[in-house]
Amino acid sequence: MTVYSKLNETLCTLQGITSTLKIYAMQTDQQEIKNVFNDAALFISQVTGDLEARMKTLEYEEPQYKGL
C-alpha cells in the first residue's frame, strides 16, 4: 500500500467520523454534550483540511498520484 493510498484511506475515515459526530450532536438534547460533539467534529475537520493539503503536496511532488 502506498503512502498516498494510506493518506486517502485515512482521509475517508476522518470524514466518516466527522459525519458521525455531527449526527450524534443532532440526536442529543443536552447542550453540553452537543457542544462536545460539535467541537470534536470541528477539530477533526481541521485535521482533514491539513491532510488534504498534504495530499495535494504529494500529488505535486509525485505526479503519478494526481487524480487517484
Protein backbone atom coordinates (compact mmCIF):
# COMPACT_ATOMS: atom_id res chain seq x y z
CA MET A 1 0.00 0.00 0.00
CA THR A 2 1.43 3.37 -0.99
CA VAL A 3 1.68 6.41 1.23
CA TYR A 4 -0.90 8.15 -0.95
CA SER A 5 -3.42 5.33 -0.60
CA LYS A 6 -2.92 5.25 3.16
CA LEU A 7 -3.50 9.01 3.34
CA ASN A 8 -6.60 8.69 1.18
CA GLU A 9 -7.96 5.90 3.37
CA THR A 10 -7.29 7.96 6.50
CA LEU A 11 -8.98 10.98 4.94
CA CYS A 12 -12.12 8.96 4.15
CA THR A 13 -12.18 7.55 7.67
CA LEU A 14 -11.86 11.01 9.22
CA GLN A 15 -14.66 12.35 7.03
CA GLY A 16 -16.87 9.48 8.21
CA ILE A 17 -16.02 10.20 11.84
CA THR A 18 -16.87 13.88 11.36
CA SER A 19 -20.26 12.96 9.91
CA THR A 20 -20.96 10.56 12.76
CA LEU A 21 -20.09 13.18 15.37
CA LYS A 22 -22.42 15.68 13.70
CA ILE A 23 -25.24 13.12 13.74
CA TYR A 24 -24.63 12.44 17.44
CA ALA A 25 -24.74 16.18 18.11
CA MET A 26 -28.11 16.46 16.40
CA GLN A 27 -29.53 13.48 18.28
CA THR A 28 -28.83 14.72 21.79
CA ASP A 29 -30.91 17.19 23.73
CA GLN A 30 -28.19 18.13 26.22
CA GLN A 31 -26.43 21.29 25.11
CA GLU A 32 -23.14 20.46 26.83
CA ILE A 33 -22.88 17.11 25.08
CA LYS A 34 -23.94 18.69 21.80
CA ASN A 35 -21.09 21.20 22.17
CA VAL A 36 -18.58 18.43 22.84
CA PHE A 37 -19.62 16.56 19.69
CA ASN A 38 -19.57 19.73 17.60
CA ASP A 39 -16.14 20.72 18.94
CA ALA A 40 -14.75 17.27 18.18
CA ALA A 41 -16.23 17.39 14.67
CA LEU A 42 -14.67 20.82 14.11
CA PHE A 43 -11.26 19.63 15.31
CA ILE A 44 -11.35 16.58 13.05
CA SER A 45 -12.45 18.77 10.14
CA GLN A 46 -9.34 20.89 10.69
CA VAL A 47 -7.18 17.76 10.69
CA THR A 48 -8.93 16.66 7.50
CA GLY A 49 -8.09 20.00 5.89
CA ASP A 50 -4.43 19.60 6.83
CA LEU A 51 -4.42 16.09 5.41
CA GLU A 52 -5.99 17.28 2.16
CA ALA A 53 -3.26 19.91 1.87
CA ARG A 54 -0.64 17.22 2.41
CA MET A 55 -2.22 15.07 -0.29
CA LYS A 56 -2.09 17.99 -2.74
CA THR A 57 1.59 18.45 -1.95
CA LEU A 58 2.14 14.76 -2.53
CA GLU A 59 0.29 14.96 -5.86
CA TYR A 60 2.52 17.86 -6.89
CA GLU A 61 5.70 16.04 -5.86
CA GLU A 62 4.60 12.69 -7.27
CA PRO A 63 2.52 13.29 -10.44
CA GLN A 64 1.54 9.62 -10.73
CA TYR A 65 -0.84 10.10 -7.77
CA LYS A 66 -2.72 13.01 -9.35
CA GLY A 67 -6.42 12.28 -9.65
CA LEU A 68 -6.41 8.97 -7.75
